[in-house]
C-alpha atoms as a PDB file:
ATOM      1  CA  MET A   1    -120.797 -37.036  33.053  1.00  0.00           C
ATOM      2  CA  GLU A   2    -120.710 -33.236  32.885  1.00  0.00           C
ATOM      3  CA  PHE A   3    -121.870 -33.042  36.492  1.00  0.00           C
ATOM      4  CA  ARG A   4    -119.126 -35.461  37.601  1.00  0.00           C
ATOM      5  CA  LYS A   5    -116.503 -33.436  35.714  1.00  0.00           C
ATOM      6  CA  LYS A   6    -117.661 -30.275  37.466  1.00  0.00           C
ATOM      7  CA  LEU A   7    -117.477 -32.176  40.735  1.00  0.00           C
ATOM      8  CA  LEU A   8    -113.918 -33.204  39.881  1.00  0.00           C
ATOM      9  CA  TYR A   9    -112.903 -29.573  39.410  1.00  0.00           C
ATOM     10  CA  LEU A  10    -114.604 -28.665  42.681  1.00  0.00           C
ATOM     11  CA  VAL A  11    -113.044 -31.216  45.035  1.00  0.00           C
ATOM     12  CA  GLU A  12    -109.846 -32.144  43.222  1.00  0.00           C
ATOM     13  CA  SER A  13    -107.031 -30.281  41.489  1.00  0.00           C
ATOM     14  CA  PRO A  14    -106.586 -31.568  37.919  1.00  0.00           C
ATOM     15  CA  ASP A  15    -103.439 -30.537  36.077  1.00  0.00           C
ATOM     16  CA  GLU A  16    -105.472 -28.911  33.313  1.00  0.00           C
ATOM     17  CA  GLU A  17    -107.378 -26.746  35.759  1.00  0.00           C
ATOM     18  CA  ASP A  18    -107.903 -23.132  34.713  1.00  0.00           C
ATOM     19  CA  ASP A  19    -106.122 -20.596  36.920  1.00  0.00           C
ATOM     20  CA  ASP A  20    -109.191 -18.352  36.824  1.00  0.00           C
ATOM     21  CA  ASN A  21    -111.406 -21.017  38.381  1.00  0.00           C
ATOM     22  CA  THR A  22    -111.847 -19.931  42.007  1.00  0.00           C
ATOM     23  CA  SER A  23    -114.386 -22.598  43.047  1.00  0.00           C
ATOM     24  CA  LEU A  24    -111.556 -24.911  44.090  1.00  0.00           C
ATOM     25  CA  ASP A  25    -110.033 -22.176  46.268  1.00  0.00           C
ATOM     26  CA  TRP A  26    -113.321 -21.636  48.075  1.00  0.00           C
ATOM     27  CA  TYR A  27    -113.769 -25.378  48.579  1.00  0.00           C
ATOM     28  CA  ASP A  28    -110.227 -25.652  49.968  1.00  0.00           C
ATOM     29  CA  ILE A  29    -110.768 -22.707  52.304  1.00  0.00           C
ATOM     30  CA  GLY A  30    -114.060 -24.157  53.508  1.00  0.00           C
ATOM     31  CA  MET A  31    -112.535 -27.570  54.167  1.00  0.00           C
ATOM     32  CA  MET A  32    -109.598 -25.996  56.029  1.00  0.00           C
ATOM     33  CA  ILE A  33    -112.091 -24.218  58.309  1.00  0.00           C
ATOM     34  CA  VAL A  34    -113.915 -27.516  58.907  1.00  0.00           C
ATOM     35  CA  ILE A  35    -110.642 -29.289  59.706  1.00  0.00           C
ATOM     36  CA  VAL A  36    -109.641 -26.617  62.236  1.00  0.00           C
ATOM     37  CA  ALA A  37    -113.090 -26.735  63.836  1.00  0.00           C
ATOM     38  CA  SER A  38    -112.987 -30.545  64.055  1.00  0.00           C
ATOM     39  CA  ILE A  39    -109.740 -30.612  66.038  1.00  0.00           C
ATOM     40  CA  VAL A  40    -110.758 -27.883  68.520  1.00  0.00           C
ATOM     41  CA  PRO A  41    -112.536 -30.396  70.863  1.00  0.00           C
ATOM     42  CA  LEU A  42    -109.335 -32.450  70.997  1.00  0.00           C
ATOM     43  CA  ALA A  43    -107.660 -29.583  72.884  1.00  0.00           C
ATOM     44  CA  PHE A  44    -110.010 -30.069  75.848  1.00  0.00           C
ATOM     45  CA  LYS A  45    -110.310 -32.962  78.297  1.00  0.00           C
ATOM     46  CA  HIS A  46    -113.991 -32.478  78.986  1.00  0.00           C
ATOM     47  CA  SER A  47    -116.857 -32.932  76.544  1.00  0.00           C
ATOM     48  CA  SER A  48    -119.842 -30.669  76.024  1.00  0.00           C
ATOM     49  CA  LEU A  49    -122.915 -30.341  73.834  1.00  0.00           C
ATOM     50  CA  ALA A  50    -121.164 -27.762  71.661  1.00  0.00           C
ATOM     51  CA  PHE A  51    -118.169 -30.060  71.110  1.00  0.00           C
ATOM     52  CA  THR A  52    -120.492 -32.969  70.299  1.00  0.00           C
ATOM     53  CA  VAL A  53    -122.350 -30.870  67.724  1.00  0.00           C
ATOM     54  CA  ILE A  54    -119.078 -29.686  66.191  1.00  0.00           C
ATOM     55  CA  ASP A  55    -117.846 -33.258  65.950  1.00  0.00           C
ATOM     56  CA  LYS A  56    -121.052 -34.570  64.356  1.00  0.00           C
ATOM     57  CA  VAL A  57    -121.307 -31.730  61.844  1.00  0.00           C
ATOM     58  CA  THR A  58    -117.669 -31.829  60.808  1.00  0.00           C
ATOM     59  CA  VAL A  59    -117.578 -35.615  60.508  1.00  0.00           C
ATOM     60  CA  GLY A  60    -120.726 -35.414  58.380  1.00  0.00           C
ATOM     61  CA  ILE A  61    -118.888 -33.051  56.035  1.00  0.00           C
ATOM     62  CA  PHE A  62    -115.855 -35.400  56.012  1.00  0.00           C
ATOM     63  CA  ILE A  63    -118.111 -38.345  55.106  1.00  0.00           C
ATOM     64  CA  LEU A  64    -119.664 -36.356  52.254  1.00  0.00           C
ATOM     65  CA  ASP A  65    -116.218 -35.297  51.027  1.00  0.00           C
ATOM     66  CA  TYR A  66    -114.986 -38.901  51.235  1.00  0.00           C
ATOM     67  CA  PHE A  67    -117.825 -40.302  49.130  1.00  0.00           C
ATOM     68  CA  LEU A  68    -117.653 -37.431  46.652  1.00  0.00           C
ATOM     69  CA  ARG A  69    -113.978 -38.184  46.046  1.00  0.00           C
ATOM     70  CA  TRP A  70    -114.703 -41.886  45.834  1.00  0.00           C
ATOM     71  CA  SER A  71    -117.467 -41.293  43.265  1.00  0.00           C
ATOM     72  CA  ILE A  72    -115.099 -39.407  40.922  1.00  0.00           C
ATOM     73  CA  SER A  73    -112.003 -41.519  41.574  1.00  0.00           C
ATOM     74  CA  ASP A  74    -112.217 -42.975  38.061  1.00  0.00           C
ATOM     75  CA  LEU A  75    -111.937 -39.494  36.546  1.00  0.00           C
ATOM     76  CA  LYS A  76    -109.059 -38.563  38.842  1.00  0.00           C
ATOM     77  CA  MET A  77    -107.052 -41.794  38.676  1.00  0.00           C
ATOM     78  CA  LYS A  78    -108.053 -42.608  35.074  1.00  0.00           C
ATOM     79  CA  LYS A  79    -107.997 -46.372  35.631  1.00  0.00           C
ATOM     80  CA  GLY A  80    -111.598 -47.118  34.788  1.00  0.00           C
ATOM     81  CA  ALA A  81    -113.732 -49.189  37.144  1.00  0.00           C
ATOM     82  CA  LYS A  82    -110.613 -50.368  38.997  1.00  0.00           C
ATOM     83  CA  SER A  83    -110.285 -46.855  40.415  1.00  0.00           C
ATOM     84  CA  PHE A  84    -113.277 -47.449  42.712  1.00  0.00           C
ATOM     85  CA  PHE A  85    -111.426 -50.389  44.296  1.00  0.00           C
ATOM     86  CA  ILE A  86    -108.001 -48.716  44.369  1.00  0.00           C
ATOM     87  CA  TYR A  87    -109.063 -45.365  45.853  1.00  0.00           C
ATOM     88  CA  PRO A  88    -110.036 -46.657  49.352  1.00  0.00           C
ATOM     89  CA  ILE A  89    -106.491 -47.988  49.894  1.00  0.00           C
ATOM     90  CA  THR A  90    -104.671 -44.829  48.774  1.00  0.00           C
ATOM     91  CA  PRO A  91    -102.851 -42.989  51.619  1.00  0.00           C
ATOM     92  CA  MET A  92    -105.117 -39.928  51.715  1.00  0.00           C
ATOM     93  CA  ALA A  93    -108.275 -42.059  51.545  1.00  0.00           C
ATOM     94  CA  ILE A  94    -107.011 -44.091  54.511  1.00  0.00           C
ATOM     95  CA  PHE A  95    -106.324 -40.871  56.435  1.00  0.00           C
ATOM     96  CA  ASP A  96    -109.843 -39.685  55.575  1.00  0.00           C
ATOM     97  CA  LEU A  97    -111.352 -42.936  56.839  1.00  0.00           C
ATOM     98  CA  LEU A  98    -109.353 -42.802  60.075  1.00  0.00           C
ATOM     99  CA  THR A  99    -110.713 -39.305  60.766  1.00  0.00           C
ATOM    100  CA  ILE A 100    -114.271 -40.507  60.248  1.00  0.00           C
ATOM    101  CA  LEU A 101    -114.399 -43.850  62.098  1.00  0.00           C
ATOM    102  CA  PRO A 102    -113.890 -42.555  65.694  1.00  0.00           C
ATOM    103  CA  SER A 103    -116.959 -40.330  65.396  1.00  0.00           C
ATOM    104  CA  ILE A 104    -119.342 -43.005  64.121  1.00  0.00           C
ATOM    105  CA  THR A 105    -121.479 -44.015  67.133  1.00  0.00           C
ATOM    106  CA  LEU A 106    -121.771 -47.669  66.196  1.00  0.00           C
ATOM    107  CA  VAL A 107    -118.009 -48.012  65.917  1.00  0.00           C
ATOM    108  CA  SER A 108    -117.199 -46.070  69.078  1.00  0.00           C
ATOM    109  CA  ASN A 109    -119.744 -47.929  71.218  1.00  0.00           C
ATOM    110  CA  GLY A 110    -118.611 -51.272  69.902  1.00  0.00           C
ATOM    111  CA  PHE A 111    -115.217 -51.018  71.627  1.00  0.00           C
ATOM    112  CA  LYS A 112    -115.387 -51.587  75.369  1.00  0.00           C
ATOM    113  CA  LEU A 113    -111.693 -51.806  76.151  1.00  0.00           C
ATOM    114  CA  PHE A 114    -110.390 -48.470  77.401  1.00  0.00           C
ATOM    115  CA  LYS A 115    -107.146 -48.619  75.436  1.00  0.00           C
ATOM    116  CA  LEU A 116    -108.982 -49.307  72.173  1.00  0.00           C
ATOM    117  CA  VAL A 117    -111.365 -46.416  72.808  1.00  0.00           C
ATOM    118  CA  ARG A 118    -108.424 -44.124  73.508  1.00  0.00           C
ATOM    119  CA  LEU A 119    -106.697 -45.375  70.361  1.00  0.00           C
ATOM    120  CA  MET A 120    -109.793 -44.673  68.249  1.00  0.00           C
ATOM    121  CA  ARG A 121    -110.022 -41.211  69.790  1.00  0.00           C
ATOM    122  CA  THR A 122    -106.432 -40.407  68.835  1.00  0.00           C
ATOM    123  CA  PHE A 123    -107.294 -41.236  65.222  1.00  0.00           C
ATOM    124  CA  ARG A 124    -109.212 -37.957  65.177  1.00  0.00           C
ATOM    125  CA  ALA A 125    -105.873 -36.185  65.295  1.00  0.00           C
ATOM    126  CA  PHE A 126    -105.300 -37.489  61.751  1.00  0.00           C
ATOM    127  CA  ARG A 127    -107.695 -34.758  60.644  1.00  0.00           C
ATOM    128  CA  VAL A 128    -104.790 -32.350  60.675  1.00  0.00           C
ATOM    129  CA  PHE A 129    -103.239 -34.357  57.823  1.00  0.00           C
ATOM    130  CA  LYS A 130    -106.277 -33.582  55.683  1.00  0.00           C
ATOM    131  CA  ALA A 131    -104.954 -30.024  55.521  1.00  0.00           C
ATOM    132  CA  VAL A 132    -102.248 -31.293  53.173  1.00  0.00           C
ATOM    133  CA  ARG A 133    -104.870 -31.765  50.480  1.00  0.00           C
ATOM    134  CA  TYR A 134    -106.406 -28.299  50.822  1.00  0.00           C
ATOM    135  CA  SER A 135    -103.416 -26.052  51.572  1.00  0.00           C
ATOM    136  CA  LYS A 136    -101.405 -24.845  48.587  1.00  0.00           C
ATOM    137  CA  SER A 137     -98.560 -23.777  50.880  1.00  0.00           C
ATOM    138  CA  ILE A 138     -98.281 -27.272  52.361  1.00  0.00           C
ATOM    139  CA  LYS A 139     -98.349 -28.732  48.854  1.00  0.00           C
ATOM    140  CA  THR A 140     -95.482 -26.430  47.923  1.00  0.00           C
ATOM    141  CA  VAL A 141     -93.476 -27.535  50.965  1.00  0.00           C
ATOM    142  CA  LEU A 142     -94.096 -31.194  50.088  1.00  0.00           C
ATOM    143  CA  MET A 143     -92.932 -30.481  46.546  1.00  0.00           C
ATOM    144  CA  VAL A 144     -89.732 -28.980  47.977  1.00  0.00           C
ATOM    145  CA  PHE A 145     -89.154 -32.117  50.063  1.00  0.00           C
ATOM    146  CA  LYS A 146     -89.741 -34.266  46.999  1.00  0.00           C
ATOM    147  CA  LYS A 147     -87.292 -32.344  44.815  1.00  0.00           C
ATOM    148  CA  GLN A 148     -84.665 -31.973  47.551  1.00  0.00           C
ATOM    149  CA  LYS A 149     -85.015 -35.499  48.942  1.00  0.00           C
ATOM    150  CA  GLU A 150     -81.500 -36.527  47.904  1.00  0.00           C
ATOM    151  CA  SER A 151     -79.871 -33.548  49.644  1.00  0.00           C
ATOM    152  CA  LEU A 152     -82.049 -33.995  52.720  1.00  0.00           C
ATOM    153  CA  LEU A 153     -81.271 -37.713  52.778  1.00  0.00           C
ATOM    154  CA  VAL A 154     -77.535 -36.932  52.813  1.00  0.00           C
ATOM    155  CA  VAL A 155     -78.036 -34.528  55.725  1.00  0.00           C
ATOM    156  CA  CYS A 156     -80.108 -37.128  57.610  1.00  0.00           C
ATOM    157  CA  MET A 157     -77.387 -39.720  57.111  1.00  0.00           C
ATOM    158  CA  LEU A 158     -74.818 -37.202  58.337  1.00  0.00           C
ATOM    159  CA  ALA A 159     -76.954 -36.531  61.419  1.00  0.00           C
ATOM    160  CA  VAL A 160     -77.265 -40.261  62.161  1.00  0.00           C
ATOM    161  CA  VAL A 161     -73.488 -40.715  61.861  1.00  0.00           C
ATOM    162  CA  TYR A 162     -72.966 -37.668  64.083  1.00  0.00           C
ATOM    163  CA  VAL A 163     -75.270 -39.066  66.772  1.00  0.00           C
ATOM    164  CA  LEU A 164     -73.715 -42.529  66.757  1.00  0.00           C
ATOM    165  CA  VAL A 165     -70.108 -41.266  66.745  1.00  0.00           C
ATOM    166  CA  SER A 166     -70.745 -38.597  69.411  1.00  0.00           C
ATOM    167  CA  ALA A 167     -72.500 -41.155  71.577  1.00  0.00           C
ATOM    168  CA  LEU A 168     -69.619 -43.576  71.196  1.00  0.00           C
ATOM    169  CA  ILE A 169     -67.043 -40.919  72.123  1.00  0.00           C
ATOM    170  CA  ILE A 170     -68.895 -39.575  75.169  1.00  0.00           C
ATOM    171  CA  PHE A 171     -69.738 -43.110  76.349  1.00  0.00           C
ATOM    172  CA  ASN A 172     -66.038 -43.964  76.431  1.00  0.00           C
ATOM    173  CA  VAL A 173     -64.839 -40.584  77.731  1.00  0.00           C
ATOM    174  CA  GLU A 174     -67.324 -40.484  80.596  1.00  0.00           C
ATOM    175  CA  PRO A 175     -68.837 -43.944  81.223  1.00  0.00           C
ATOM    176  CA  ASP A 176     -69.957 -43.118  84.779  1.00  0.00           C
ATOM    177  CA  SER A 177     -72.526 -40.556  83.552  1.00  0.00           C
ATOM    178  CA  PHE A 178     -74.168 -42.921  81.069  1.00  0.00           C
ATOM    179  CA  GLY A 179     -75.678 -46.221  82.111  1.00  0.00           C
ATOM    180  CA  ASN A 180     -75.528 -47.696  78.613  1.00  0.00           C
ATOM    181  CA  TYR A 181     -74.879 -46.795  74.990  1.00  0.00           C
ATOM    182  CA  PHE A 182     -78.553 -45.951  74.396  1.00  0.00           C
ATOM    183  CA  ASP A 183     -78.324 -43.210  77.066  1.00  0.00           C
ATOM    184  CA  ALA A 184     -75.353 -41.798  75.174  1.00  0.00           C
ATOM    185  CA  VAL A 185     -77.318 -41.913  71.899  1.00  0.00           C
ATOM    186  CA  TYR A 186     -80.178 -40.110  73.640  1.00  0.00           C
ATOM    187  CA  TRP A 187     -77.770 -37.447  74.911  1.00  0.00           C
ATOM    188  CA  ALA A 188     -76.249 -37.021  71.435  1.00  0.00           C
ATOM    189  CA  THR A 189     -79.695 -36.662  69.858  1.00  0.00           C
ATOM    190  CA  VAL A 190     -80.721 -34.032  72.393  1.00  0.00           C
ATOM    191  CA  SER A 191     -77.436 -32.203  71.806  1.00  0.00           C
ATOM    192  CA  LEU A 192     -77.904 -32.333  68.026  1.00  0.00           C
ATOM    193  CA  THR A 193     -81.334 -30.754  68.263  1.00  0.00           C
ATOM    194  CA  THR A 194     -79.988 -28.200  70.829  1.00  0.00           C
ATOM    195  CA  MET A 195     -82.880 -29.071  73.173  1.00  0.00           C
ATOM    196  CA  GLY A 196     -80.701 -29.569  76.261  1.00  0.00           C
ATOM    197  CA  TYR A 197     -83.142 -31.227  78.693  1.00  0.00           C
ATOM    198  CA  GLY A 198     -80.422 -31.576  81.332  1.00  0.00           C
ATOM    199  CA  ASP A 199     -81.509 -35.011  82.585  1.00  0.00           C
ATOM    200  CA  ILE A 200     -78.252 -36.584  81.322  1.00  0.00           C
ATOM    201  CA  TYR A 201     -75.074 -34.539  81.131  1.00  0.00           C
ATOM    202  CA  PRO A 202     -71.292 -34.961  81.474  1.00  0.00           C
ATOM    203  CA  VAL A 203     -69.586 -33.804  84.667  1.00  0.00           C
ATOM    204  CA  THR A 204     -65.878 -34.217  83.824  1.00  0.00           C
ATOM    205  CA  THR A 205     -63.751 -31.684  81.972  1.00  0.00           C
ATOM    206  CA  ALA A 206     -63.137 -34.063  79.074  1.00  0.00           C
ATOM    207  CA  GLY A 207     -66.847 -34.795  78.795  1.00  0.00           C
ATOM    208  CA  ARG A 208     -67.700 -31.110  78.781  1.00  0.00           C
ATOM    209  CA  VAL A 209     -65.134 -30.432  76.051  1.00  0.00           C
ATOM    210  CA  VAL A 210     -66.703 -33.186  73.949  1.00  0.00           C
ATOM    211  CA  THR A 211     -70.129 -31.659  74.613  1.00  0.00           C
ATOM    212  CA  MET A 212     -69.004 -28.200  73.463  1.00  0.00           C
ATOM    213  CA  ILE A 213     -67.486 -29.555  70.256  1.00  0.00           C
ATOM    214  CA  SER A 214     -70.537 -31.722  69.670  1.00  0.00           C
ATOM    215  CA  SER A 215     -72.886 -28.766  70.181  1.00  0.00           C
ATOM    216  CA  PHE A 216     -71.071 -26.621  67.612  1.00  0.00           C
ATOM    217  CA  MET A 217     -71.198 -29.447  65.099  1.00  0.00           C
ATOM    218  CA  GLY A 218     -74.851 -30.053  65.890  1.00  0.00           C
ATOM    219  CA  ILE A 219     -75.755 -26.436  65.147  1.00  0.00           C
ATOM    220  CA  ALA A 220     -74.077 -26.727  61.746  1.00  0.00           C
ATOM    221  CA  ILE A 221     -75.872 -29.966  60.898  1.00  0.00           C
ATOM    222  CA  ILE A 222     -79.253 -28.613  61.983  1.00  0.00           C
ATOM    223  CA  ALA A 223     -78.738 -25.463  59.876  1.00  0.00           C
ATOM    224  CA  MET A 224     -78.160 -27.418  56.657  1.00  0.00           C
ATOM    225  CA  PRO A 225     -81.674 -28.864  56.143  1.00  0.00           C
ATOM    226  CA  ALA A 226     -83.183 -25.503  57.104  1.00  0.00           C
ATOM    227  CA  GLY A 227     -81.129 -23.824  54.359  1.00  0.00           C
ATOM    228  CA  ILE A 228     -82.002 -26.515  51.806  1.00  0.00           C
ATOM    229  CA  ILE A 229     -85.728 -26.297  52.534  1.00  0.00           C
ATOM    230  CA  THR A 230     -85.743 -22.483  52.564  1.00  0.00           C
ATOM    231  CA  SER A 231     -83.911 -22.162  49.245  1.00  0.00           C
ATOM    232  CA  GLY A 232     -86.120 -24.827  47.680  1.00  0.00           C
ATOM    233  CA  PHE A 233     -89.265 -23.117  48.969  1.00  0.00           C
ATOM    234  CA  MET A 234     -88.183 -19.746  47.592  1.00  0.00           C
ATOM    235  CA  TYR A 235     -87.395 -21.380  44.237  1.00  0.00           C
ATOM    236  CA  GLU A 236     -90.864 -22.957  44.078  1.00  0.00           C
ATOM    237  CA  LEU A 237     -92.544 -19.653  44.935  1.00  0.00           C
ATOM    238  CA  GLN A 238     -90.548 -17.863  42.236  1.00  0.00           C
ATOM    239  CA  ARG A 239     -91.412 -20.583  39.707  1.00  0.00           C
ATOM    240  CA  GLU A 240     -95.116 -20.332  40.523  1.00  0.00           C
ATOM    241  CA  ARG A 241     -95.020 -16.539  40.127  1.00  0.00           C
ATOM    242  CA  GLU A 242     -93.319 -16.853  36.742  1.00  0.00           C
ATOM    243  CA  GLU A 243     -95.841 -19.471  35.586  1.00  0.00           C
ATOM    244  CA  LYS A 244     -98.768 -17.294  36.610  1.00  0.00           C
ATOM    245  CA  LYS A 245     -97.179 -14.261  34.972  1.00  0.00           C
ATOM    246  CA  GLY A 246     -96.582 -16.220  31.758  1.00  0.00           C
ATOM    247  CA  SER A 247    -100.158 -17.569  31.679  1.00  0.00           C
ATOM    248  CA  HIS A 248    -101.614 -14.027  31.885  1.00  0.00           C
ATOM    249  CA  GLU A 249     -99.409 -12.557  29.154  1.00  0.00           C
END
């Protein structure tokens, strides 16, 4: 039991964890390095012996990490023996499994259809989501999203209304430039995000006036979530500093 508790402190982050315990930090750093190394081959079209070795080694580490977490799931989830059945269907465990399966030879060779093979290969990109577990900064950002979800939801609703209304206006002001309402929605979305691809655009004076007004409004809407997230992130950082300062006094 003592060994499993030590393992829990190594691979997980219990609430009662001591701030002076640096083993978790080193484990997180090591796993982040493995994650980065595992996705490097995905940036290249061709395969090589080095990429194959990297894939096999990193997936071996992922498999070990997966089973280590599974073996201590009862201590983490505190639901007794049921934890061993619940853990495999938790979101992060599913992500972990999806990063492992494409690199298992028996699984990869079993699929002969090209589209299925390509689909299994893209599952390797899920490895980037494993960084959420090991990065304290990402955890802080997720905490900000969780605490500010109501404000962000209001902004998202405002953005949706903006897109639909802008699309409706431009579709009626300049129907010749837009084949259907979906094209207008696409144009409004691109305008909201200030991307400006230029594949669909108004050509009349009235349409251009609507575009200018829409662009100004889009900039304001886009700035709101950025401000909410930034202020929330700064608040979380300040809170963490104060907690650390209080724990050392």
